[in-house]
Each structure stands twice: as C-alpha cells, then as structure tokens.
Amino acid sequence: MSTIASIVIALVALLHLWFLVLEMFLWDKPAGRRAFGLTPEFATQSKVLAANQGLYNGFLAAGLIWGLFLGAQGLQVKCFFLACVLIAGIYGGLTASRKILWIQAAPAALGLILLSI
C-alpha cells in the first residue's frame, strides 16, 4: 500500500472524528449549527439523533484507524470501512446535501482507488 493511500485514509478517519465532535458535542452550539445550517430550535430538537449519528461516524473512523495499524494485513479492513464511508456519503449526498458527495464520498472513493493500484 502506498504512503499516499495511507495519508488519504488517515484524512478520511480524521474527517469522521471531526464529524463525531460536531454531531455529538457541538450540534446545538454555534459551530455545529453553522456547519450544518441549523436553526437553534431544530438543533435542540434533533440533538439526540445527531449524537447517535456522530457515534456511527466514530465507528467508521475507528475502523479506518484499525486498518491503518494493521498495515498491509489490514487491506480488507480498510476497503470495508472506506466502502461504508463511500456508501454513506452517496446516500447523504442524494438525500441530504450534494456537498456530502465531495466532503465524504469523494475522499473515500479516492482512498479505495489508491488501495487498488
């Protein structure tokens, strides 16, 4: 596996850790509301749902980090978690915001491409 692939995977993991922080801890704070374009009322009403979503993003990050720690033996783990991120990003891009395709799906797709070459 190339160093570039490892860097991209690490960046995808860091993005998902940031999503965890935004969704679990900052959702109803100014930074979280600004990031997701939320009204204070909606942020308050959806805070528990967002925290659950953030936890899932944390699991995605943990899986990618685990794959990186496994090194070459972690190829299947990295592919699985990148595929999960890609599918979630495509779904989010189609149902919530097209921006998710670029922020979440595209980096995961790039990681998968880099793993395959």
PDB file of N, CA and C in Angstrom:
ATOM      1  N   MET A   1       0.857  -1.186   0.000  1.00  0.00           N
ATOM      2  CA  MET A   1       0.000   0.000   0.000  1.00  0.00           C
ATOM      3  C   MET A   1       0.893   1.236   0.000  1.00  0.00           C
ATOM      4  N   SER A   2       0.507   2.188  -0.790  1.00  0.00           N
ATOM      5  CA  SER A   2       1.326   3.392  -0.917  1.00  0.00           C
ATOM      6  C   SER A   2       1.159   4.317   0.282  1.00  0.00           C
ATOM      7  N   THR A   3       2.145   5.154   0.453  1.00  0.00           N
ATOM      8  CA  THR A   3       2.088   6.162   1.507  1.00  0.00           C
ATOM      9  C   THR A   3       0.936   7.128   1.251  1.00  0.00           C
ATOM     10  N   ILE A   4       0.698   7.447  -0.023  1.00  0.00           N
ATOM     11  CA  ILE A   4      -0.386   8.366  -0.362  1.00  0.00           C
ATOM     12  C   ILE A   4      -1.728   7.770   0.054  1.00  0.00           C
ATOM     13  N   ALA A   5      -1.924   6.469  -0.183  1.00  0.00           N
ATOM     14  CA  ALA A   5      -3.169   5.819   0.226  1.00  0.00           C
ATOM     15  C   ALA A   5      -3.337   5.905   1.739  1.00  0.00           C
ATOM     16  N   SER A   6      -2.273   5.663   2.476  1.00  0.00           N
ATOM     17  CA  SER A   6      -2.339   5.744   3.942  1.00  0.00           C
ATOM     18  C   SER A   6      -2.692   7.153   4.403  1.00  0.00           C
ATOM     19  N   ILE A   7      -2.135   8.155   3.742  1.00  0.00           N
ATOM     20  CA  ILE A   7      -2.431   9.551   4.105  1.00  0.00           C
ATOM     21  C   ILE A   7      -3.896   9.864   3.845  1.00  0.00           C
ATOM     22  N   VAL A   8      -4.397   9.441   2.692  1.00  0.00           N
ATOM     23  CA  VAL A   8      -5.810   9.688   2.369  1.00  0.00           C
ATOM     24  C   VAL A   8      -6.715   8.982   3.375  1.00  0.00           C
ATOM     25  N   ILE A   9      -6.408   7.742   3.713  1.00  0.00           N
ATOM     26  CA  ILE A   9      -7.211   7.002   4.691  1.00  0.00           C
ATOM     27  C   ILE A   9      -7.163   7.689   6.049  1.00  0.00           C
ATOM     28  N   ALA A  10      -6.003   8.149   6.452  1.00  0.00           N
ATOM     29  CA  ALA A  10      -5.879   8.868   7.729  1.00  0.00           C
ATOM     30  C   ALA A  10      -6.712  10.151   7.700  1.00  0.00           C
ATOM     31  N   LEU A  11      -6.710  10.855   6.581  1.00  0.00           N
ATOM     32  CA  LEU A  11      -7.514  12.077   6.464  1.00  0.00           C
ATOM     33  C   LEU A  11      -9.008  11.769   6.524  1.00  0.00           C
ATOM     34  N   VAL A  12      -9.431  10.670   5.899  1.00  0.00           N
ATOM     35  CA  VAL A  12     -10.842  10.273   5.973  1.00  0.00           C
ATOM     36  C   VAL A  12     -11.201   9.951   7.425  1.00  0.00           C
ATOM     37  N   ALA A  13     -10.314   9.257   8.122  1.00  0.00           N
ATOM     38  CA  ALA A  13     -10.554   8.942   9.537  1.00  0.00           C
ATOM     39  C   ALA A  13     -10.650  10.222  10.363  1.00  0.00           C
ATOM     40  N   LEU A  14      -9.748  11.165  10.129  1.00  0.00           N
ATOM     41  CA  LEU A  14      -9.783  12.436  10.863  1.00  0.00           C
ATOM     42  C   LEU A  14     -11.062  13.214  10.572  1.00  0.00           C
ATOM     43  N   LEU A  15     -11.505  13.206   9.319  1.00  0.00           N
ATOM     44  CA  LEU A  15     -12.775  13.852   8.978  1.00  0.00           C
ATOM     45  C   LEU A  15     -13.917  13.262   9.797  1.00  0.00           C
ATOM     46  N   HIS A  16     -13.934  11.932   9.911  1.00  0.00           N
ATOM     47  CA  HIS A  16     -15.029  11.299  10.642  1.00  0.00           C
ATOM     48  C   HIS A  16     -14.925  11.519  12.146  1.00  0.00           C
ATOM     49  N   LEU A  17     -13.724  11.684  12.643  1.00  0.00           N
ATOM     50  CA  LEU A  17     -13.593  12.074  14.054  1.00  0.00           C
ATOM     51  C   LEU A  17     -14.127  13.497  14.250  1.00  0.00           C
ATOM     52  N   TRP A  18     -13.877  14.370  13.277  1.00  0.00           N
ATOM     53  CA  TRP A  18     -14.405  15.733  13.352  1.00  0.00           C
ATOM     54  C   TRP A  18     -15.927  15.713  13.273  1.00  0.00           C
ATOM     55  N   PHE A  19     -16.489  14.853  12.392  1.00  0.00           N
ATOM     56  CA  PHE A  19     -17.948  14.720  12.313  1.00  0.00           C
ATOM     57  C   PHE A  19     -18.502  14.260  13.655  1.00  0.00           C
ATOM     58  N   LEU A  20     -17.794  13.330  14.314  1.00  0.00           N
ATOM     59  CA  LEU A  20     -18.213  12.856  15.644  1.00  0.00           C
ATOM     60  C   LEU A  20     -18.299  14.036  16.603  1.00  0.00           C
ATOM     61  N   VAL A  21     -17.261  14.862  16.636  1.00  0.00           N
ATOM     62  CA  VAL A  21     -17.241  16.016  17.544  1.00  0.00           C
ATOM     63  C   VAL A  21     -18.383  16.979  17.210  1.00  0.00           C
ATOM     64  N   LEU A  22     -18.543  17.300  15.929  1.00  0.00           N
ATOM     65  CA  LEU A  22     -19.610  18.219  15.527  1.00  0.00           C
ATOM     66  C   LEU A  22     -20.986  17.691  15.918  1.00  0.00           C
ATOM     67  N   GLU A  23     -21.224  16.420  15.653  1.00  0.00           N
ATOM     68  CA  GLU A  23     -22.562  15.858  15.860  1.00  0.00           C
ATOM     69  C   GLU A  23     -22.850  15.493  17.314  1.00  0.00           C
ATOM     70  N   MET A  24     -21.832  15.066  18.044  1.00  0.00           N
ATOM     71  CA  MET A  24     -22.076  14.646  19.426  1.00  0.00           C
ATOM     72  C   MET A  24     -21.963  15.786  20.432  1.00  0.00           C
ATOM     73  N   PHE A  25     -21.081  16.740  20.164  1.00  0.00           N
ATOM     74  CA  PHE A  25     -20.787  17.743  21.177  1.00  0.00           C
ATOM     75  C   PHE A  25     -21.084  19.183  20.761  1.00  0.00           C
ATOM     76  N   LEU A  26     -21.085  19.456  19.462  1.00  0.00           N
ATOM     77  CA  LEU A  26     -21.248  20.838  19.007  1.00  0.00           C
ATOM     78  C   LEU A  26     -22.539  21.072  18.227  1.00  0.00           C
ATOM     79  N   TRP A  27     -23.381  20.066  18.104  1.00  0.00           N
ATOM     80  CA  TRP A  27     -24.580  20.142  17.275  1.00  0.00           C
ATOM     81  C   TRP A  27     -25.428  21.384  17.545  1.00  0.00           C
ATOM     82  N   ASP A  28     -25.682  21.660  18.823  1.00  0.00           N
ATOM     83  CA  ASP A  28     -26.545  22.796  19.163  1.00  0.00           C
ATOM     84  C   ASP A  28     -25.756  24.045  19.573  1.00  0.00           C
ATOM     85  N   LYS A  29     -24.451  23.996  19.357  1.00  0.00           N
ATOM     86  CA  LYS A  29     -23.591  25.152  19.619  1.00  0.00           C
ATOM     87  C   LYS A  29     -23.425  25.937  18.306  1.00  0.00           C
ATOM     88  N   PRO A  30     -22.954  27.171  18.383  1.00  0.00           N
ATOM     89  CA  PRO A  30     -22.804  27.973  17.156  1.00  0.00           C
ATOM     90  C   PRO A  30     -21.997  27.277  16.051  1.00  0.00           C
ATOM     91  N   ALA A  31     -20.902  26.635  16.403  1.00  0.00           N
ATOM     92  CA  ALA A  31     -20.075  25.977  15.378  1.00  0.00           C
ATOM     93  C   ALA A  31     -20.828  24.848  14.690  1.00  0.00           C
ATOM     94  N   GLY A  32     -21.538  24.051  15.456  1.00  0.00           N
ATOM     95  CA  GLY A  32     -22.308  22.954  14.870  1.00  0.00           C
ATOM     96  C   GLY A  32     -23.466  23.448  14.030  1.00  0.00           C
ATOM     97  N   ARG A  33     -24.169  24.428  14.546  1.00  0.00           N
ATOM     98  CA  ARG A  33     -25.305  24.974  13.786  1.00  0.00           C
ATOM     99  C   ARG A  33     -24.823  25.603  12.483  1.00  0.00           C
ATOM    100  N   ARG A  34     -23.695  26.281  12.533  1.00  0.00           N
ATOM    101  CA  ARG A  34     -23.142  26.907  11.335  1.00  0.00           C
ATOM    102  C   ARG A  34     -22.705  25.843  10.319  1.00  0.00           C
ATOM    103  N   ALA A  35     -22.056  24.793  10.807  1.00  0.00           N
ATOM    104  CA  ALA A  35     -21.563  23.737   9.911  1.00  0.00           C
ATOM    105  C   ALA A  35     -22.697  23.048   9.161  1.00  0.00           C
ATOM    106  N   PHE A  36     -23.825  22.890   9.827  1.00  0.00           N
ATOM    107  CA  PHE A  36     -24.933  22.157   9.219  1.00  0.00           C
ATOM    108  C   PHE A  36     -26.098  23.056   8.813  1.00  0.00           C
ATOM    109  N   GLY A  37     -25.961  24.363   9.018  1.00  0.00           N
ATOM    110  CA  GLY A  37     -27.021  25.290   8.641  1.00  0.00           C
ATOM    111  C   GLY A  37     -28.314  25.080   9.416  1.00  0.00           C
ATOM    112  N   LEU A  38     -28.200  24.921  10.728  1.00  0.00           N
ATOM    113  CA  LEU A  38     -29.350  24.605  11.578  1.00  0.00           C
ATOM    114  C   LEU A  38     -29.870  25.826  12.326  1.00  0.00           C
ATOM    115  N   THR A  39     -31.158  25.832  12.554  1.00  0.00           N
ATOM    116  CA  THR A  39     -31.730  26.828  13.457  1.00  0.00           C
ATOM    117  C   THR A  39     -31.518  26.337  14.880  1.00  0.00           C
ATOM    118  N   PRO A  40     -31.489  27.239  15.846  1.00  0.00           N
ATOM    119  CA  PRO A  40     -31.343  26.796  17.241  1.00  0.00           C
ATOM    120  C   PRO A  40     -32.446  25.820  17.650  1.00  0.00           C
ATOM    121  N   GLU A  41     -33.668  26.058  17.197  1.00  0.00           N
ATOM    122  CA  GLU A  41     -34.796  25.189  17.566  1.00  0.00           C
ATOM    123  C   GLU A  41     -34.606  23.782  17.013  1.00  0.00           C
ATOM    124  N   PHE A  42     -34.253  23.691  15.722  1.00  0.00           N
ATOM    125  CA  PHE A  42     -34.065  22.372  15.119  1.00  0.00           C
ATOM    126  C   PHE A  42     -32.893  21.641  15.764  1.00  0.00           C
ATOM    127  N   ALA A  43     -31.808  22.368  16.049  1.00  0.00           N
ATOM    128  CA  ALA A  43     -30.641  21.754  16.677  1.00  0.00           C
ATOM    129  C   ALA A  43     -30.999  21.164  18.036  1.00  0.00           C
ATOM    130  N   THR A  44     -31.786  21.881  18.800  1.00  0.00           N
ATOM    131  CA  THR A  44     -32.213  21.382  20.107  1.00  0.00           C
ATOM    132  C   THR A  44     -33.087  20.143  19.961  1.00  0.00           C
ATOM    133  N   GLN A  45     -34.003  20.188  19.020  1.00  0.00           N
ATOM    134  CA  GLN A  45     -34.932  19.068  18.827  1.00  0.00           C
ATOM    135  C   GLN A  45     -34.240  17.817  18.300  1.00  0.00           C
ATOM    136  N   SER A  46     -33.185  17.966  17.535  1.00  0.00           N
ATOM    137  CA  SER A  46     -32.547  16.822  16.881  1.00  0.00           C
ATOM    138  C   SER A  46     -31.219  16.425  17.518  1.00  0.00           C
ATOM    139  N   LYS A  47     -30.908  16.983  18.671  1.00  0.00           N
ATOM    140  CA  LYS A  47     -29.609  16.769  19.310  1.00  0.00           C
ATOM    141  C   LYS A  47     -29.315  15.292  19.586  1.00  0.00           C
ATOM    142  N   VAL A  48     -30.278  14.552  20.069  1.00  0.00           N
ATOM    143  CA  VAL A  48     -30.058  13.135  20.397  1.00  0.00           C
ATOM    144  C   VAL A  48     -29.819  12.324  19.123  1.00  0.00           C
ATOM    145  N   LEU A  49     -30.591  12.614  18.098  1.00  0.00           N
ATOM    146  CA  LEU A  49     -30.412  11.936  16.819  1.00  0.00           C
ATOM    147  C   LEU A  49     -29.022  12.218  16.247  1.00  0.00           C
ATOM    148  N   ALA A  50     -28.599  13.455  16.324  1.00  0.00           N
ATOM    149  CA  ALA A  50     -27.275  13.835  15.818  1.00  0.00           C
ATOM    150  C   ALA A  50     -26.161  13.140  16.601  1.00  0.00           C
ATOM    151  N   ALA A  51     -26.330  13.013  17.899  1.00  0.00           N
ATOM    152  CA  ALA A  51     -25.311  12.338  18.713  1.00  0.00           C
ATOM    153  C   ALA A  51     -25.178  10.877  18.290  1.00  0.00           C
ATOM    154  N   ASN A  52     -26.291  10.240  17.988  1.00  0.00           N
ATOM    155  CA  ASN A  52     -26.267   8.862  17.507  1.00  0.00           C
ATOM    156  C   ASN A  52     -25.518   8.785  16.178  1.00  0.00           C
ATOM    157  N   GLN A  53     -25.797   9.709  15.315  1.00  0.00           N
ATOM    158  CA  GLN A  53     -25.125   9.793  14.021  1.00  0.00           C
ATOM    159  C   GLN A  53     -23.624  10.007  14.218  1.00  0.00           C
ATOM    160  N   GLY A  54     -23.262  10.851  15.157  1.00  0.00           N
ATOM    161  CA  GLY A  54     -21.856  11.097  15.448  1.00  0.00           C
ATOM    162  C   GLY A  54     -21.139   9.853  15.931  1.00  0.00           C
ATOM    163  N   LEU A  55     -21.830   9.059  16.733  1.00  0.00           N
ATOM    164  CA  LEU A  55     -21.240   7.819  17.224  1.00  0.00           C
ATOM    165  C   LEU A  55     -20.905   6.886  16.064  1.00  0.00           C
ATOM    166  N   TYR A  56     -21.805   6.788  15.097  1.00  0.00           N
ATOM    167  CA  TYR A  56     -21.542   5.962  13.916  1.00  0.00           C
ATOM    168  C   TYR A  56     -20.325   6.472  13.147  1.00  0.00           C
ATOM    169  N   ASN A  57     -20.186   7.786  13.043  1.00  0.00           N
ATOM    170  CA  ASN A  57     -19.003   8.333  12.384  1.00  0.00           C
ATOM    171  C   ASN A  57     -17.737   7.975  13.147  1.00  0.00           C
ATOM    172  N   GLY A  58     -17.832   7.922  14.463  1.00  0.00           N
ATOM    173  CA  GLY A  58     -16.694   7.495  15.272  1.00  0.00           C
ATOM    174  C   GLY A  58     -16.310   6.051  14.994  1.00  0.00           C
ATOM    175  N   PHE A  59     -17.301   5.186  14.792  1.00  0.00           N
ATOM    176  CA  PHE A  59     -17.014   3.783  14.467  1.00  0.00           C
ATOM    177  C   PHE A  59     -16.329   3.668  13.106  1.00  0.00           C
ATOM    178  N   LEU A  60     -16.763   4.490  12.145  1.00  0.00           N
ATOM    179  CA  LEU A  60     -16.103   4.487  10.836  1.00  0.00           C
ATOM    180  C   LEU A  60     -14.644   4.903  10.982  1.00  0.00           C
ATOM    181  N   ALA A  61     -14.395   5.948  11.745  1.00  0.00           N
ATOM    182  CA  ALA A  61     -13.017   6.400  11.975  1.00  0.00           C
ATOM    183  C   ALA A  61     -12.204   5.317  12.674  1.00  0.00           C
ATOM    184  N   ALA A  62     -12.790   4.678  13.668  1.00  0.00           N
ATOM    185  CA  ALA A  62     -12.069   3.627  14.402  1.00  0.00           C
ATOM    186  C   ALA A  62     -11.693   2.475  13.476  1.00  0.00           C
ATOM    187  N   GLY A  63     -12.604   2.101  12.593  1.00  0.00           N
ATOM    188  CA  GLY A  63     -12.307   1.024  11.653  1.00  0.00           C
ATOM    189  C   GLY A  63     -11.172   1.382  10.709  1.00  0.00           C
ATOM    190  N   LEU A  64     -11.171   2.613  10.227  1.00  0.00           N
ATOM    191  CA  LEU A  64     -10.089   3.042   9.331  1.00  0.00           C
ATOM    192  C   LEU A  64      -8.754   3.095  10.063  1.00  0.00           C
ATOM    193  N   ILE A  65      -8.763   3.571  11.283  1.00  0.00           N
ATOM    194  CA  ILE A  65      -7.531   3.630  12.084  1.00  0.00           C
ATOM    195  C   ILE A  65      -7.028   2.226  12.383  1.00  0.00           C
ATOM    196  N   TRP A  66      -7.945   1.329  12.710  1.00  0.00           N
ATOM    197  CA  TRP A  66      -7.588  -0.077  12.937  1.00  0.00           C
ATOM    198  C   TRP A  66      -6.911  -0.646  11.690  1.00  0.00           C
ATOM    199  N   GLY A  67      -7.508  -0.408  10.521  1.00  0.00           N
ATOM    200  CA  GLY A  67      -6.924  -0.889   9.275  1.00  0.00           C
ATOM    201  C   GLY A  67      -5.530  -0.337   9.052  1.00  0.00           C
ATOM    202  N   LEU A  68      -5.334   0.936   9.359  1.00  0.00           N
ATOM    203  CA  LEU A  68      -4.004   1.524   9.208  1.00  0.00           C
ATOM    204  C   LEU A  68      -2.995   0.877  10.146  1.00  0.00           C
ATOM    205  N   PHE A  69      -3.401   0.606  11.379  1.00  0.00           N
ATOM    206  CA  PHE A  69      -2.490  -0.034  12.337  1.00  0.00           C
ATOM    207  C   PHE A  69      -2.127  -1.456  11.926  1.00  0.00           C
ATOM    208  N   LEU A  70      -3.008  -2.116  11.194  1.00  0.00           N
ATOM    209  CA  LEU A  70      -2.735  -3.476  10.721  1.00  0.00           C
ATOM    210  C   LEU A  70      -1.740  -3.491   9.570  1.00  0.00           C
ATOM    211  N   GLY A  71      -1.499  -2.340   8.978  1.00  0.00           N
ATOM    212  CA  GLY A  71      -0.562  -2.265   7.862  1.00  0.00           C
ATOM    213  C   GLY A  71      -1.076  -3.015   6.653  1.00  0.00           C
ATOM    214  N   ALA A  72      -0.175  -3.736   5.978  1.00  0.00           N
ATOM    215  CA  ALA A  72      -0.545  -4.463   4.760  1.00  0.00           C
ATOM    216  C   ALA A  72      -1.606  -5.526   5.042  1.00  0.00           C
ATOM    217  N   GLN A  73      -1.598  -6.089   6.248  1.00  0.00           N
ATOM    218  CA  GLN A  73      -2.583  -7.108   6.602  1.00  0.00           C
ATOM    219  C   GLN A  73      -3.978  -6.511   6.803  1.00  0.00           C
ATOM    220  N   GLY A  74      -4.083  -5.201   6.840  1.00  0.00           N
ATOM    221  CA  GLY A  74      -5.362  -4.545   7.065  1.00  0.00           C
ATOM    222  C   GLY A  74      -6.062  -4.102   5.788  1.00  0.00           C
ATOM    223  N   LEU A  75      -5.626  -4.592   4.647  1.00  0.00           N
ATOM    224  CA  LEU A  75      -6.206  -4.171   3.372  1.00  0.00           C
ATOM    225  C   LEU A  75      -7.719  -4.366   3.334  1.00  0.00           C
ATOM    226  N   GLN A  76      -8.193  -5.534   3.726  1.00  0.00           N
ATOM    227  CA  GLN A  76      -9.638  -5.799   3.683  1.00  0.00           C
ATOM    228  C   GLN A  76     -10.406  -4.916   4.670  1.00  0.00           C
ATOM    229  N   VAL A  77      -9.819  -4.654   5.819  1.00  0.00           N
ATOM    230  CA  VAL A  77     -10.458  -3.786   6.813  1.00  0.00           C
ATOM    231  C   VAL A  77     -10.581  -2.375   6.252  1.00  0.00           C
ATOM    232  N   LYS A  78      -9.504  -1.876   5.672  1.00  0.00           N
ATOM    233  CA  LYS A  78      -9.528  -0.529   5.085  1.00  0.00           C
ATOM    234  C   LYS A  78     -10.546  -0.449   3.948  1.00  0.00           C
ATOM    235  N   CYS A  79     -10.561  -1.458   3.086  1.00  0.00           N
ATOM    236  CA  CYS A  79     -11.516  -1.465   1.971  1.00  0.00           C
ATOM    237  C   CYS A  79     -12.950  -1.489   2.484  1.00  0.00           C
ATOM    238  N   PHE A  80     -13.218  -2.310   3.491  1.00  0.00           N
ATOM    239  CA  PHE A  80     -14.570  -2.401   4.037  1.00  0.00           C
ATOM    240  C   PHE A  80     -15.030  -1.057   4.596  1.00  0.00           C
ATOM    241  N   PHE A  81     -14.208  -0.433   5.438  1.00  0.00           N
ATOM    242  CA  PHE A  81     -14.627   0.821   6.068  1.00  0.00           C
ATOM    243  C   PHE A  81     -14.668   1.982   5.074  1.00  0.00           C
ATOM    244  N   LEU A  82     -13.768   1.992   4.096  1.00  0.00           N
ATOM    245  CA  LEU A  82     -13.859   3.017   3.059  1.00  0.00           C
ATOM    246  C   LEU A  82     -15.139   2.835   2.237  1.00  0.00           C
ATOM    247  N   ALA A  83     -15.499   1.582   1.959  1.00  0.00           N
ATOM    248  CA  ALA A  83     -16.742   1.322   1.227  1.00  0.00           C
ATOM    249  C   ALA A  83     -17.950   1.781   2.038  1.00  0.00           C
ATOM    250  N   CYS A  84     -17.922   1.561   3.353  1.00  0.00           N
ATOM    251  CA  CYS A  84     -19.009   2.037   4.218  1.00  0.00           C
ATOM    252  C   CYS A  84     -19.109   3.565   4.160  1.00  0.00           C
ATOM    253  N   VAL A  85     -17.980   4.241   4.233  1.00  0.00           N
ATOM    254  CA  VAL A  85     -17.962   5.700   4.157  1.00  0.00           C
ATOM    255  C   VAL A  85     -18.482   6.160   2.797  1.00  0.00           C
ATOM    256  N   LEU A  86     -18.051   5.492   1.736  1.00  0.00           N
ATOM    257  CA  LEU A  86     -18.488   5.855   0.388  1.00  0.00           C
ATOM    258  C   LEU A  86     -20.001   5.710   0.236  1.00  0.00           C
ATOM    259  N   ILE A  87     -20.540   4.588   0.681  1.00  0.00           N
ATOM    260  CA  ILE A  87     -21.985   4.353   0.577  1.00  0.00           C
ATOM    261  C   ILE A  87     -22.753   5.382   1.408  1.00  0.00           C
ATOM    262  N   ALA A  88     -22.286   5.637   2.623  1.00  0.00           N
ATOM    263  CA  ALA A  88     -22.946   6.642   3.466  1.00  0.00           C
ATOM    264  C   ALA A  88     -22.873   8.017   2.814  1.00  0.00           C
ATOM    265  N   GLY A  89     -21.744   8.341   2.203  1.00  0.00           N
ATOM    266  CA  GLY A  89     -21.580   9.626   1.538  1.00  0.00           C
ATOM    267  C   GLY A  89     -22.476   9.770   0.319  1.00  0.00           C
ATOM    268  N   ILE A  90     -22.606   8.704  -0.444  1.00  0.00           N
ATOM    269  CA  ILE A  90     -23.503   8.744  -1.606  1.00  0.00           C
ATOM    270  C   ILE A  90     -24.943   8.912  -1.143  1.00  0.00           C
ATOM    271  N   TYR A  91     -25.334   8.138  -0.147  1.00  0.00           N
ATOM    272  CA  TYR A  91     -26.704   8.246   0.367  1.00  0.00           C
ATOM    273  C   TYR A  91     -26.972   9.654   0.912  1.00  0.00           C
ATOM    274  N   GLY A  92     -26.046  10.168   1.693  1.00  0.00           N
ATOM    275  CA  GLY A  92     -26.200  11.517   2.239  1.00  0.00           C
ATOM    276  C   GLY A  92     -26.232  12.567   1.142  1.00  0.00           C
ATOM    277  N   GLY A  93     -25.416  12.372   0.115  1.00  0.00           N
ATOM    278  CA  GLY A  93     -25.398  13.311  -0.988  1.00  0.00           C
ATOM    279  C   GLY A  93     -26.692  13.322  -1.783  1.00  0.00           C
ATOM    280  N   LEU A  94     -27.327  12.162  -1.862  1.00  0.00           N
ATOM    281  CA  LEU A  94     -28.587  12.070  -2.601  1.00  0.00           C
ATOM    282  C   LEU A  94     -29.794  12.498  -1.775  1.00  0.00           C
ATOM    283  N   THR A  95     -29.712  12.358  -0.461  1.00  0.00           N
ATOM    284  CA  THR A  95     -30.882  12.616   0.378  1.00  0.00           C
ATOM    285  C   THR A  95     -30.795  13.881   1.223  1.00  0.00           C
ATOM    286  N   ALA A  96     -29.599  14.328   1.556  1.00  0.00           N
ATOM    287  CA  ALA A  96     -29.462  15.467   2.467  1.00  0.00           C
ATOM    288  C   ALA A  96     -28.842  16.684   1.785  1.00  0.00           C
ATOM    289  N   SER A  97     -27.627  16.529   1.281  1.00  0.00           N
ATOM    290  CA  SER A  97     -26.922  17.670   0.692  1.00  0.00           C
ATOM    291  C   SER A  97     -25.880  17.160  -0.295  1.00  0.00           C
ATOM    292  N   ARG A  98     -25.861  17.741  -1.485  1.00  0.00           N
ATOM    293  CA  ARG A  98     -24.873  17.351  -2.502  1.00  0.00           C
ATOM    294  C   ARG A  98     -23.443  17.575  -2.003  1.00  0.00           C
ATOM    295  N   LYS A  99     -23.273  18.490  -1.081  1.00  0.00           N
ATOM    296  CA  LYS A  99     -21.957  18.795  -0.515  1.00  0.00           C
ATOM    297  C   LYS A  99     -21.319  17.538   0.108  1.00  0.00           C
ATOM    298  N   ILE A 100     -22.155  16.646   0.613  1.00  0.00           N
ATOM    299  CA  ILE A 100     -21.652  15.423   1.258  1.00  0.00           C
ATOM    300  C   ILE A 100     -20.913  14.535   0.256  1.00  0.00           C
ATOM    301  N   LEU A 101     -21.316  14.599  -1.008  1.00  0.00           N
ATOM    302  CA  LEU A 101     -20.613  13.808  -2.025  1.00  0.00           C
ATOM    303  C   LEU A 101     -19.143  14.193  -2.095  1.00  0.00           C
ATOM    304  N   TRP A 102     -18.852  15.479  -1.955  1.00  0.00           N
ATOM    305  CA  TRP A 102     -17.471  15.957  -2.056  1.00  0.00           C
ATOM    306  C   TRP A 102     -16.717  15.834  -0.740  1.00  0.00           C
ATOM    307  N   ILE A 103     -17.406  16.040   0.361  1.00  0.00           N
ATOM    308  CA  ILE A 103     -16.740  16.034   1.670  1.00  0.00           C
ATOM    309  C   ILE A 103     -16.514  14.617   2.190  1.00  0.00           C
ATOM    310  N   GLN A 104     -17.452  13.709   1.911  1.00  0.00           N
ATOM    311  CA  GLN A 104     -17.369  12.364   2.475  1.00  0.00           C
ATOM    312  C   GLN A 104     -17.129  11.292   1.415  1.00  0.00           C
ATOM    313  N   ALA A 105     -17.934  11.277   0.369  1.00  0.00           N
ATOM    314  CA  ALA A 105     -17.853  10.190  -0.610  1.00  0.00           C
ATOM    315  C   ALA A 105     -16.586  10.261  -1.463  1.00  0.00           C
ATOM    316  N   ALA A 106     -16.256  11.446  -1.956  1.00  0.00           N
ATOM    317  CA  ALA A 106     -15.093  11.563  -2.847  1.00  0.00           C
ATOM    318  C   ALA A 106     -13.776  11.145  -2.182  1.00  0.00           C
ATOM    319  N   PRO A 107     -13.495  11.590  -0.939  1.00  0.00           N
ATOM    320  CA  PRO A 107     -12.247  11.130  -0.310  1.00  0.00           C
ATOM    321  C   PRO A 107     -12.215   9.609  -0.097  1.00  0.00           C
ATOM    322  N   ALA A 108     -13.368   9.020   0.240  1.00  0.00           N
ATOM    323  CA  ALA A 108     -13.416   7.566   0.413  1.00  0.00           C
ATOM    324  C   ALA A 108     -13.170   6.862  -0.918  1.00  0.00           C
ATOM    325  N   ALA A 109     -13.773   7.371  -1.992  1.00  0.00           N
ATOM    326  CA  ALA A 109     -13.555   6.788  -3.318  1.00  0.00           C
ATOM    327  C   ALA A 109     -12.090   6.889  -3.714  1.00  0.00           C
ATOM    328  N   LEU A 110     -11.482   8.041  -3.446  1.00  0.00           N
ATOM    329  CA  LEU A 110     -10.059   8.215  -3.738  1.00  0.00           C
ATOM    330  C   LEU A 110      -9.224   7.200  -2.955  1.00  0.00           C
ATOM    331  N   GLY A 111      -9.550   7.005  -1.681  1.00  0.00           N
ATOM    332  CA  GLY A 111      -8.833   6.010  -0.869  1.00  0.00           C
ATOM    333  C   GLY A 111      -8.945   4.607  -1.456  1.00  0.00           C
ATOM    334  N   LEU A 112     -10.154   4.238  -1.885  1.00  0.00           N
ATOM    335  CA  LEU A 112     -10.347   2.912  -2.486  1.00  0.00           C
ATOM    336  C   LEU A 112      -9.557   2.779  -3.786  1.00  0.00           C
ATOM    337  N   ILE A 113      -9.552   3.818  -4.589  1.00  0.00           N
ATOM    338  CA  ILE A 113      -8.788   3.786  -5.838  1.00  0.00           C
ATOM    339  C   ILE A 113      -7.297   3.622  -5.543  1.00  0.00           C
ATOM    340  N   LEU A 114      -6.806   4.388  -4.588  1.00  0.00           N
ATOM    341  CA  LEU A 114      -5.389   4.300  -4.243  1.00  0.00           C
ATOM    342  C   LEU A 114      -5.005   2.939  -3.675  1.00  0.00           C
ATOM    343  N   LEU A 115      -5.928   2.305  -2.968  1.00  0.00           N
ATOM    344  CA  LEU A 115      -5.650   0.962  -2.440  1.00  0.00           C
ATOM    345  C   LEU A 115      -5.581  -0.083  -3.555  1.00  0.00           C
ATOM    346  N   SER A 116      -6.287   0.189  -4.639  1.00  0.00           N
ATOM    347  CA  SER A 116      -6.356  -0.814  -5.704  1.00  0.00           C
ATOM    348  C   SER A 116      -5.209  -0.729  -6.700  1.00  0.00           C
ATOM    349  N   ILE A 117      -4.396   0.337  -6.616  1.00  0.00           N
ATOM    350  CA  ILE A 117      -3.285   0.451  -7.577  1.00  0.00           C
ATOM    351  C   ILE A 117      -1.963   0.108  -6.934  1.00  0.00           C
TER     352      ILE A 117
END
